Amino acid sequence: MPNLLHYVSEQATESFSSRPFNAPDSLALTQIVYMPLENLLDEGGTATLAEVWTFLQHEYPNGLSDPFQRKRFDLTGACAQSLRFSGLTVSDYVNHIDPVEETQFCACTFILPDGARYIAFRGTDLTIAGWKEDLNMSYKSVPAQAEATAYVERAAMEDGELLLGGHSKGGHLALYAAAHATETAQARITAIYSFDGPGMDEATLASEGYKCISPRVESYIPQSSVVGMLLCYHPSYCVVKSTALGLFQHDALTWQIKGGEFEKLDGLDLGTRMTDDALRQWIDRLTIDDRQLLTETVFRLISVVDSETLDPLVQDITGSSIKLFSAFRKLEPETRTEMRRMLGDLFSSGASEAARTLLPSAIRRLVESPAPVTDLVEKVKSKQEELLGKLRPER
């Protein structure tokens, strides 16, 4: 089952002059921007992709721990060892994470052999700031959108064509920045790639800026896309075959490529279309105040587990669940009522399966099993005492 790694291997000896830059090349670059390049490019430096790989091997000799990042790490190595990608210059790396401003923005520029520059925007990482900003997009503009637009404006001050792209939130930022850039900058943009990225708000879709760049947009989503259809209204798109199931199709390394091109399907799965419609209807029913309360409260709960990253929610499900239950109990009564109303509406909709997958299990149980939290805590304590009793030496 040929995916992006196979594509890079197959095209390893093909130069961009013999095989022009295409969508799978773009997807590869949007995965490389996920690599941690601090201490190499964060002070305005430049490096070839081969030099980037040498740096990554030195800094992370055992690779990266996150399973998705491990795949991207391997992809970066494959690209760095290919004739097609190894000589690309990487520059203008920016990685700005600010919990106070609730923003996570990362981008870098790849200089192609013909002098064109490809701006890759990173999607959401595991930081609390990044995920909070994603949900903030459901009801307001966010700092990363402004940073992406400013990044493109700066790049447009130099000569040469510009190509923009990103995976997940990175795809949204590429579209947003292109639509909100000045006419001078827009004239320099030849292509915008979005890979399973949330779409645009209605105001942006109706703007003159978006109408200007829309013919240059290439949007790709897998057949069971949920992430790419969340939060905002989506422009036209191509559906790509993925070998994964459900939400795991968001992993771009599961997308199929044949003959150097994405393997395309006629449309989304029926179940996915129904889920996306249900999610859209649920979001539309929420007022702006509802969306803000939902976002703020979910992250108030999550920050009790860890104030910086979502990793503990995955690594320690039991411990995280107890902390979330306890934090939920301490919410104001009216907030608890509103949360159960909004999430209960979601879980009873046609998008219930997607909701159960998207949200941490502990948050789901707050709605699905609103029994007193004390019952759960007492059961856990009782089990702990039982185990400790067995471990104590007999007298």
Protein backbone atom coordinates (compact mmCIF):
# COMPACT_ATOMS: atom_id res chain seq x y z
CA MET A 1 0.00 0.00 0.00
CA PRO A 2 2.06 2.93 -1.31
CA ASN A 3 2.05 5.99 0.93
CA LEU A 4 4.15 9.15 1.20
CA LEU A 5 7.26 7.26 2.33
CA HIS A 6 7.01 5.00 -0.73
CA TYR A 7 6.53 8.05 -2.93
CA VAL A 8 9.70 9.71 -1.59
CA SER A 9 11.67 6.51 -2.15
CA GLU A 10 10.33 6.06 -5.67
CA GLN A 11 11.08 9.66 -6.62
CA ALA A 12 14.44 9.77 -4.81
CA THR A 13 16.47 10.22 -8.01
CA GLU A 14 13.94 12.44 -9.80
CA SER A 15 14.87 16.13 -9.86
CA PHE A 16 12.23 18.85 -9.85
CA SER A 17 13.23 19.75 -13.40
CA SER A 18 12.42 16.23 -14.62
CA ARG A 19 9.30 15.90 -12.48
CA PRO A 20 7.76 19.25 -11.46
CA PHE A 21 6.70 20.02 -7.89
CA ASN A 22 3.33 18.44 -7.10
CA ALA A 23 0.80 17.82 -4.31
CA PRO A 24 2.60 14.82 -2.72
CA ASP A 25 5.80 16.92 -2.60
CA SER A 26 3.79 19.61 -0.86
CA LEU A 27 2.41 17.11 1.67
CA ALA A 28 5.96 15.94 2.44
CA LEU A 29 7.08 19.49 3.26
CA THR A 30 4.05 20.04 5.51
CA GLN A 31 5.16 17.02 7.56
CA ILE A 32 8.79 18.14 7.84
CA VAL A 33 7.74 21.44 9.43
CA TYR A 34 6.57 19.40 12.45
CA MET A 35 10.22 18.64 13.26
CA PRO A 36 11.75 20.45 16.29
CA LEU A 37 14.35 22.74 14.71
CA GLU A 38 15.17 24.92 17.71
CA ASN A 39 18.92 25.45 18.17
CA LEU A 40 19.42 25.11 14.44
CA LEU A 41 17.18 27.55 12.59
CA ASP A 42 15.44 29.59 15.30
CA GLU A 43 17.97 32.43 15.16
CA GLY A 44 17.40 33.20 11.50
CA GLY A 45 19.76 30.54 10.20
CA THR A 46 19.46 28.45 7.05
CA ALA A 47 20.35 24.83 6.32
CA THR A 48 19.81 22.27 3.61
CA LEU A 49 17.41 19.46 4.37
CA ALA A 50 20.39 17.10 4.50
CA GLU A 51 21.94 19.31 7.21
CA VAL A 52 18.61 19.41 9.05
CA TRP A 53 18.61 15.62 9.14
CA THR A 54 22.17 15.50 10.48
CA PHE A 55 21.10 17.87 13.26
CA LEU A 56 17.99 15.82 14.11
CA GLN A 57 19.98 12.59 14.28
CA HIS A 58 22.42 14.22 16.69
CA GLU A 59 19.74 15.80 18.88
CA TYR A 60 17.37 12.80 18.82
CA PRO A 61 19.47 9.66 18.28
CA ASN A 62 16.53 7.46 19.28
CA GLY A 63 14.02 9.36 17.20
CA LEU A 64 10.90 11.06 18.61
CA SER A 65 8.60 9.42 21.15
CA ASP A 66 5.19 10.45 19.80
CA PRO A 67 4.03 7.81 17.28
CA PHE A 68 2.95 10.39 14.69
CA GLN A 69 6.17 12.32 15.14
CA ARG A 70 8.16 9.11 14.70
CA LYS A 71 6.60 8.68 11.26
CA ARG A 72 7.42 12.27 10.35
CA PHE A 73 10.96 11.82 11.66
CA ASP A 74 11.43 8.81 9.37
CA LEU A 75 9.90 10.72 6.45
CA THR A 76 12.30 13.62 7.03
CA GLY A 77 15.21 11.18 6.93
CA ALA A 78 13.98 9.65 3.68
CA CYS A 79 13.59 13.08 2.09
CA ALA A 80 17.03 14.21 3.31
CA GLN A 81 18.64 11.18 1.71
CA SER A 82 16.93 11.66 -1.67
CA LEU A 83 18.26 13.68 -4.58
CA ARG A 84 14.86 15.32 -4.97
CA PHE A 85 14.68 16.89 -1.52
CA SER A 86 18.12 16.81 0.12
CA GLY A 87 19.38 20.07 -1.37
CA LEU A 88 16.34 22.17 -0.50
CA THR A 89 17.27 25.12 1.71
CA VAL A 90 15.20 25.53 4.87
CA SER A 91 14.95 29.03 6.34
CA ASP A 92 12.84 31.51 8.31
CA TYR A 93 11.87 28.97 10.97
CA VAL A 94 9.48 30.42 13.55
CA ASN A 95 7.95 28.54 16.48
CA HIS A 96 5.89 30.74 18.78
CA ILE A 97 3.96 29.18 21.67
CA ASP A 98 2.37 31.49 24.22
CA PRO A 99 -0.05 30.05 26.83
CA VAL A 100 -1.06 33.57 27.91
CA GLU A 101 -2.02 34.63 24.39
CA GLU A 102 -3.35 31.10 23.79
CA THR A 103 -1.46 30.73 20.55
CA GLN A 104 0.74 28.15 18.84
CA PHE A 105 2.27 29.15 15.51
CA CYS A 106 5.08 27.50 13.57
CA ALA A 107 6.25 27.91 10.00
CA CYS A 108 9.33 27.61 7.85
CA THR A 109 10.28 28.25 4.22
CA PHE A 110 11.71 25.76 1.72
CA ILE A 111 13.57 27.27 -1.23
CA LEU A 112 12.91 25.21 -4.35
CA PRO A 113 15.51 24.78 -7.14
CA ASP A 114 13.77 27.27 -9.44
CA GLY A 115 13.88 29.98 -6.77
CA ALA A 116 10.24 29.65 -5.74
CA ARG A 117 9.65 29.50 -1.98
CA TYR A 118 7.30 27.08 -0.28
CA ILE A 119 5.93 28.28 3.09
CA ALA A 120 4.90 25.35 5.30
CA PHE A 121 2.65 25.99 8.30
CA ARG A 122 2.68 23.48 11.15
CA GLY A 123 -0.55 21.96 12.40
CA THR A 124 -1.51 21.63 16.05
CA ASP A 125 0.99 20.03 18.39
CA LEU A 126 0.30 18.61 21.88
CA THR A 127 0.51 21.97 23.66
CA ILE A 128 -2.52 23.24 25.57
CA ALA A 129 -2.09 26.62 23.85
CA GLY A 130 -2.31 25.02 20.41
CA TRP A 131 -5.47 23.03 21.07
CA LYS A 132 -7.14 25.92 22.87
CA GLU A 133 -6.43 28.16 19.90
CA ASP A 134 -8.03 25.59 17.59
CA LEU A 135 -11.29 25.71 19.52
CA ASN A 136 -11.08 29.48 19.80
CA MET A 137 -11.30 29.55 15.99
CA SER A 138 -14.92 28.41 16.29
CA TYR A 139 -15.99 31.82 17.53
CA LYS A 140 -13.25 34.38 16.92
CA SER A 141 -10.07 35.23 15.06
CA VAL A 142 -6.91 33.87 16.69
CA PRO A 143 -3.30 35.13 16.90
CA ALA A 144 -1.90 32.35 14.68
CA GLN A 145 -4.01 33.62 11.79
CA ALA A 146 -2.50 37.09 12.11
CA GLU A 147 1.01 35.62 12.46
CA ALA A 148 0.53 33.50 9.34
CA THR A 149 -0.63 36.52 7.34
CA ALA A 150 2.32 38.58 8.57
CA TYR A 151 4.72 35.75 7.67
CA VAL A 152 3.41 35.69 4.09
CA GLU A 153 3.60 39.48 3.84
CA ARG A 154 7.27 39.41 4.86
CA ALA A 155 8.01 36.64 2.38
CA ALA A 156 6.34 38.61 -0.41
CA MET A 157 8.90 41.40 0.03
CA GLU A 158 11.48 39.20 -1.69
CA ASP A 159 11.51 38.17 -5.34
CA GLY A 160 10.16 34.84 -6.56
CA GLU A 161 6.95 32.87 -6.55
CA LEU A 162 5.33 31.79 -3.30
CA LEU A 163 3.58 28.50 -2.57
CA LEU A 164 1.73 27.99 0.74
CA GLY A 165 0.70 24.78 2.44
CA GLY A 166 -0.07 23.02 5.68
CA HIS A 167 -1.56 19.93 7.29
CA SER A 168 -4.41 20.15 9.82
CA LYS A 169 -4.47 23.66 11.33
CA GLY A 170 -1.49 24.44 9.09
CA GLY A 171 -3.75 24.02 6.06
CA HIS A 172 -6.26 26.43 7.57
CA LEU A 173 -3.50 28.97 8.20
CA ALA A 174 -2.26 28.68 4.60
CA LEU A 175 -5.77 29.41 3.28
CA TYR A 176 -6.40 32.19 5.80
CA ALA A 177 -3.08 33.94 5.16
CA ALA A 178 -3.54 33.82 1.39
CA ALA A 179 -7.09 35.18 1.63
CA HIS A 180 -6.13 38.03 3.99
CA ALA A 181 -2.82 39.04 2.40
CA THR A 182 -2.49 42.27 0.45
CA GLU A 183 -3.13 42.28 -3.29
CA THR A 184 0.61 42.66 -3.88
CA ALA A 185 1.37 39.55 -1.84
CA GLN A 186 -1.52 37.62 -3.37
CA ALA A 187 -0.14 38.29 -6.84
CA ARG A 188 3.01 36.39 -5.86
CA ILE A 189 1.17 33.29 -4.59
CA THR A 190 0.89 30.57 -7.24
CA ALA A 191 -0.61 27.73 -5.16
CA ILE A 192 -2.16 27.07 -1.76
CA TYR A 193 -2.32 23.51 -0.40
CA SER A 194 -4.52 22.40 2.50
CA PHE A 195 -4.27 18.81 3.76
CA ASP A 196 -7.21 17.87 6.00
CA GLY A 197 -7.26 21.39 7.36
CA PRO A 198 -10.36 23.04 8.85
CA GLY A 199 -12.02 25.37 6.37
CA MET A 200 -12.83 29.05 6.54
CA ASP A 201 -15.38 31.16 8.35
CA GLU A 202 -18.24 32.44 6.21
CA ALA A 203 -16.91 36.01 6.21
CA THR A 204 -13.56 34.93 4.75
CA LEU A 205 -15.20 32.70 2.13
CA ALA A 206 -17.32 35.66 1.02
CA SER A 207 -14.38 38.11 0.95
CA GLU A 208 -12.78 39.52 -2.19
CA GLY A 209 -9.43 38.24 -0.95
CA TYR A 210 -10.65 34.64 -0.90
CA LYS A 211 -12.35 34.99 -4.29
CA CYS A 212 -9.03 36.19 -5.68
CA ILE A 213 -7.00 33.21 -4.49
CA SER A 214 -9.62 30.44 -4.60
CA PRO A 215 -8.67 29.21 -8.12
CA ARG A 216 -5.19 28.49 -6.76
CA VAL A 217 -6.37 26.42 -3.79
CA GLU A 218 -5.83 22.64 -3.70
CA SER A 219 -7.61 21.10 -0.73
CA TYR A 220 -7.28 17.38 0.10
CA ILE A 221 -9.08 15.36 2.76
CA PRO A 222 -9.30 11.59 3.46
CA GLN A 223 -12.56 9.71 2.86
CA SER A 224 -13.54 9.70 6.54
CA SER A 225 -12.35 13.19 7.35
CA VAL A 226 -13.59 14.72 10.59
CA VAL A 227 -10.77 17.10 11.56
CA GLY A 228 -10.76 18.67 8.11
CA MET A 229 -14.49 19.38 8.30
CA LEU A 230 -14.54 20.81 11.83
CA LEU A 231 -15.28 24.32 13.07
CA CYS A 232 -15.59 26.25 9.82
CA TYR A 233 -17.14 26.05 6.37
CA HIS A 234 -14.98 24.10 3.94
CA PRO A 235 -14.14 25.07 0.34
CA SER A 236 -14.20 22.52 -2.48
CA TYR A 237 -11.87 19.57 -1.93
CA CYS A 238 -10.47 16.34 -3.37
CA VAL A 239 -10.97 13.10 -1.43
CA VAL A 240 -7.89 10.91 -0.97
CA LYS A 241 -7.94 7.21 -0.11
CA SER A 242 -6.51 6.36 3.32
CA THR A 243 -5.76 2.92 4.75
CA ALA A 244 -6.59 4.01 8.30
CA LEU A 245 -9.97 3.99 10.04
CA GLY A 246 -11.98 6.98 11.21
CA LEU A 247 -10.09 9.83 12.81
CA PHE A 248 -6.76 8.08 12.26
CA GLN A 249 -7.09 9.01 8.59
CA HIS A 250 -5.92 12.45 9.69
CA ASP A 251 -2.45 10.87 9.69
CA ALA A 252 -1.10 11.93 6.29
CA LEU A 253 1.26 8.94 6.21
CA THR A 254 -1.79 6.70 5.67
CA TRP A 255 -2.83 8.46 2.46
CA GLN A 256 -2.36 6.42 -0.70
CA ILE A 257 -0.25 7.53 -3.65
CA LYS A 258 -0.07 5.76 -7.02
CA GLY A 259 1.96 6.76 -10.04
CA GLY A 260 3.22 9.84 -8.22
CA GLU A 261 -0.30 11.15 -7.52
CA PHE A 262 -2.85 10.82 -4.73
CA GLU A 263 -5.30 7.98 -5.16
CA LYS A 264 -8.56 9.92 -5.32
CA LEU A 265 -12.09 8.79 -4.51
CA ASP A 266 -15.44 10.11 -5.73
CA GLY A 267 -16.47 11.48 -2.35
CA LEU A 268 -16.61 11.10 1.41
CA ASP A 269 -18.00 7.96 3.03
CA LEU A 270 -21.76 8.13 3.66
CA GLY A 271 -21.23 7.79 7.41
CA THR A 272 -18.69 10.60 7.33
CA ARG A 273 -21.04 12.90 5.44
CA MET A 274 -23.76 12.26 8.03
CA THR A 275 -21.29 12.85 10.88
CA ASP A 276 -19.99 16.06 9.34
CA ASP A 277 -23.54 17.34 8.79
CA ALA A 278 -24.43 16.54 12.40
CA LEU A 279 -21.30 18.26 13.72
CA ARG A 280 -22.01 21.29 11.58
CA GLN A 281 -25.60 21.48 12.82
CA TRP A 282 -24.48 21.10 16.44
CA ILE A 283 -21.92 23.89 16.06
CA ASP A 284 -24.47 26.12 14.33
CA ARG A 285 -26.88 25.66 17.23
CA LEU A 286 -24.28 26.94 19.68
CA THR A 287 -24.28 30.66 20.27
CA ILE A 288 -21.00 32.59 20.37
CA ASP A 289 -21.32 32.64 24.17
CA ASP A 290 -21.90 28.87 24.18
CA ARG A 291 -18.75 28.27 22.13
CA GLN A 292 -16.68 30.49 24.36
CA LEU A 293 -17.98 28.84 27.54
CA LEU A 294 -17.39 25.36 26.11
CA THR A 295 -13.84 26.19 25.05
CA GLU A 296 -12.91 27.94 28.28
CA THR A 297 -14.38 25.22 30.49
CA VAL A 298 -12.87 22.25 28.65
CA PHE A 299 -9.44 23.80 29.00
CA ARG A 300 -10.01 24.81 32.61
CA LEU A 301 -10.54 21.10 33.26
CA ILE A 302 -7.62 19.92 31.14
CA SER A 303 -5.20 22.42 32.70
CA VAL A 304 -5.79 20.76 36.07
CA VAL A 305 -4.08 17.67 34.65
CA ASP A 306 -1.25 19.62 33.00
CA SER A 307 -0.99 23.32 32.28
CA GLU A 308 1.21 22.99 29.18
CA THR A 309 0.57 19.76 27.26
CA LEU A 310 -2.14 17.19 26.53
CA ASP A 311 0.31 14.32 26.80
CA PRO A 312 -0.78 13.19 30.34
CA LEU A 313 -4.34 12.70 29.07
CA VAL A 314 -2.99 10.00 26.78
CA GLN A 315 -0.23 8.58 28.97
CA ASP A 316 -2.13 8.35 32.27
CA ILE A 317 -5.82 7.89 31.52
CA THR A 318 -6.82 6.70 35.01
CA GLY A 319 -5.01 9.44 36.90
CA SER A 320 -6.20 12.10 34.47
CA SER A 321 -9.81 10.93 34.74
CA ILE A 322 -9.84 11.29 38.53
CA LYS A 323 -8.40 14.80 38.30
CA LEU A 324 -10.93 15.81 35.63
CA PHE A 325 -13.86 14.45 37.62
CA SER A 326 -12.69 16.31 40.69
CA ALA A 327 -12.21 19.54 38.74
CA PHE A 328 -15.68 19.20 37.19
CA ARG A 329 -17.23 18.95 40.65
CA LYS A 330 -15.62 22.27 41.59
CA LEU A 331 -17.11 24.15 38.63
CA GLU A 332 -19.88 26.63 39.29
CA PRO A 333 -23.28 24.84 39.26
CA GLU A 334 -24.52 26.84 36.28
CA THR A 335 -21.35 26.00 34.32
CA ARG A 336 -21.79 22.28 35.02
CA THR A 337 -25.40 22.49 33.85
CA GLU A 338 -24.48 24.28 30.64
CA MET A 339 -21.63 21.86 29.89
CA ARG A 340 -23.94 18.86 30.31
CA ARG A 341 -26.49 20.54 28.07
CA MET A 342 -24.05 21.28 25.24
CA LEU A 343 -22.10 18.03 25.36
CA GLY A 344 -25.24 15.99 25.95
CA ASP A 345 -26.69 17.50 22.76
CA LEU A 346 -23.53 16.50 20.90
CA PHE A 347 -23.49 12.92 22.22
CA SER A 348 -27.15 12.44 21.30
CA SER A 349 -26.59 13.69 17.73
CA GLY A 350 -25.50 11.86 14.59
CA ALA A 351 -21.93 12.86 15.46
CA SER A 352 -21.86 10.91 18.71
CA GLU A 353 -19.21 8.43 17.58
CA ALA A 354 -16.90 11.22 16.40
CA ALA A 355 -17.45 13.04 19.70
CA ARG A 356 -16.56 9.94 21.68
CA THR A 357 -13.33 9.64 19.72
CA LEU A 358 -12.40 13.32 19.77
CA LEU A 359 -12.96 14.04 23.45
CA PRO A 360 -10.98 12.54 26.33
CA SER A 361 -12.87 9.63 27.92
CA ALA A 362 -13.07 11.39 31.27
CA ILE A 363 -14.89 14.39 29.76
CA ARG A 364 -17.29 12.05 27.95
CA ARG A 365 -18.16 10.32 31.23
CA LEU A 366 -19.08 13.64 32.83
CA VAL A 367 -22.02 13.73 30.45
CA GLU A 368 -22.72 10.06 29.79
CA SER A 369 -22.44 8.95 33.42
CA PRO A 370 -23.26 11.94 35.59
CA ALA A 371 -23.30 9.83 38.74
CA PRO A 372 -21.70 11.43 41.78
CA VAL A 373 -17.96 11.74 41.31
CA THR A 374 -17.47 10.64 44.88
CA ASP A 375 -18.58 7.13 43.90
CA LEU A 376 -15.73 6.81 41.44
CA VAL A 377 -13.16 8.34 43.76
CA GLU A 378 -14.23 6.10 46.64
CA LYS A 379 -14.00 3.02 44.43
CA VAL A 380 -10.48 3.97 43.38
CA LYS A 381 -9.43 4.64 46.98
CA SER A 382 -10.96 1.35 48.10
CA LYS A 383 -9.06 -0.52 45.40
CA GLN A 384 -5.84 1.22 46.40
CA GLU A 385 -6.35 0.26 50.07
CA GLU A 386 -7.05 -3.31 49.04
CA LEU A 387 -3.83 -3.50 47.08
CA LEU A 388 -1.82 -1.83 49.84
CA GLY A 389 -3.27 -4.31 52.33
CA LYS A 390 -1.99 -7.20 50.27
CA LEU A 391 1.45 -5.63 50.10
CA ARG A 392 1.78 -5.01 53.85
CA PRO A 393 3.83 -7.68 55.64
CA GLU A 394 1.89 -9.89 58.02
CA ARG A 395 2.66 -9.52 61.74
